[in-house]
Amino acid sequence: MAQNFGNIAYYLFENGDVINDGETVGGTEDIRWRCEHQYALAAPRRVVLDLDPGEPYYAGMQGGSNGRKD
């Protein structure tokens, strides 16, 4: 799993913030995470890409609507 997250981070570093809310990422068709931009839980306040693992692990929206700039 850590390698998948590293690959996603590298992809975003190389290509910019190109993953849209509602898109899924993952290593296989069986393991997919739904993406959504949310405010970070830790300071400083900033928008991060949240990877939703699905029930029962989904933490929900953090801090209201996202602050993404398109």
Protein backbone atom coordinates (compact mmCIF):
# COMPACT_ATOMS: atom_id res chain seq x y z
CA MET A 1 0.00 0.00 0.00
CA ALA A 2 2.83 2.42 0.83
CA GLN A 3 4.27 1.93 -2.65
CA ASN A 4 0.88 2.84 -4.18
CA PHE A 5 0.76 6.07 -2.15
CA GLY A 6 4.34 6.87 -3.14
CA ASN A 7 3.48 6.33 -6.81
CA ILE A 8 0.45 8.62 -6.51
CA ALA A 9 2.53 11.30 -4.78
CA TYR A 10 5.23 11.09 -7.47
CA TYR A 11 2.58 11.31 -10.22
CA LEU A 12 1.10 14.45 -8.64
CA PHE A 13 4.56 15.99 -8.17
CA GLU A 14 5.38 15.44 -11.85
CA ASN A 15 1.96 16.41 -13.29
CA GLY A 16 0.45 18.87 -10.82
CA ASP A 17 -2.98 18.71 -9.19
CA VAL A 18 -4.61 16.80 -12.06
CA ILE A 19 -6.78 14.37 -10.06
CA ASN A 20 -10.36 15.64 -9.81
CA ASP A 21 -12.84 15.09 -7.00
CA GLY A 22 -14.70 11.81 -7.50
CA GLU A 23 -11.95 10.13 -9.53
CA THR A 24 -10.43 6.95 -8.17
CA VAL A 25 -6.82 5.86 -7.85
CA GLY A 26 -5.23 2.62 -6.73
CA GLY A 27 -2.96 -0.24 -7.55
CA THR A 28 -5.59 -2.67 -8.85
CA GLU A 29 -9.24 -2.69 -9.88
CA ASP A 30 -10.04 -4.34 -6.52
CA ILE A 31 -8.26 -1.68 -4.47
CA ARG A 32 -9.45 1.83 -5.38
CA TRP A 33 -9.63 5.04 -3.36
CA ARG A 34 -12.08 7.83 -4.21
CA CYS A 35 -10.36 11.23 -4.26
CA GLU A 36 -11.65 14.53 -2.93
CA HIS A 37 -9.98 17.81 -2.05
CA GLN A 38 -10.41 18.77 1.61
CA TYR A 39 -8.79 21.07 4.13
CA ALA A 40 -5.93 19.42 6.00
CA LEU A 41 -6.55 18.33 9.58
CA ALA A 42 -3.18 19.69 10.72
CA ALA A 43 -1.94 23.28 10.47
CA PRO A 44 -1.28 25.22 8.37
CA ARG A 45 -4.70 25.39 6.74
CA ARG A 46 -4.32 24.11 3.20
CA VAL A 47 -6.14 21.95 0.68
CA VAL A 48 -4.98 18.34 0.41
CA LEU A 49 -6.09 15.36 -1.66
CA ASP A 50 -8.02 12.95 0.57
CA LEU A 51 -8.06 9.29 -0.49
CA ASP A 52 -11.31 7.68 0.69
CA PRO A 53 -10.84 3.95 1.38
CA GLY A 54 -14.61 3.44 1.66
CA GLU A 55 -16.69 2.04 4.49
CA PRO A 56 -16.00 1.39 7.30
CA TYR A 57 -12.86 3.55 7.18
CA TYR A 58 -14.13 6.77 5.57
CA ALA A 59 -13.66 9.75 7.91
CA GLY A 60 -16.07 12.10 6.12
CA MET A 61 -15.63 15.70 5.02
CA GLN A 62 -13.21 17.77 7.08
CA GLY A 63 -13.96 21.45 7.55
CA GLY A 64 -16.69 22.01 4.99
CA SER A 65 -16.29 22.61 1.29
CA ASN A 66 -12.97 22.37 -0.45
CA GLY A 67 -10.83 25.30 -1.43
CA ARG A 68 -9.56 23.97 -4.71
CA LYS A 69 -8.76 26.45 -7.43
CA ASP A 70 -9.45 25.17 -10.95
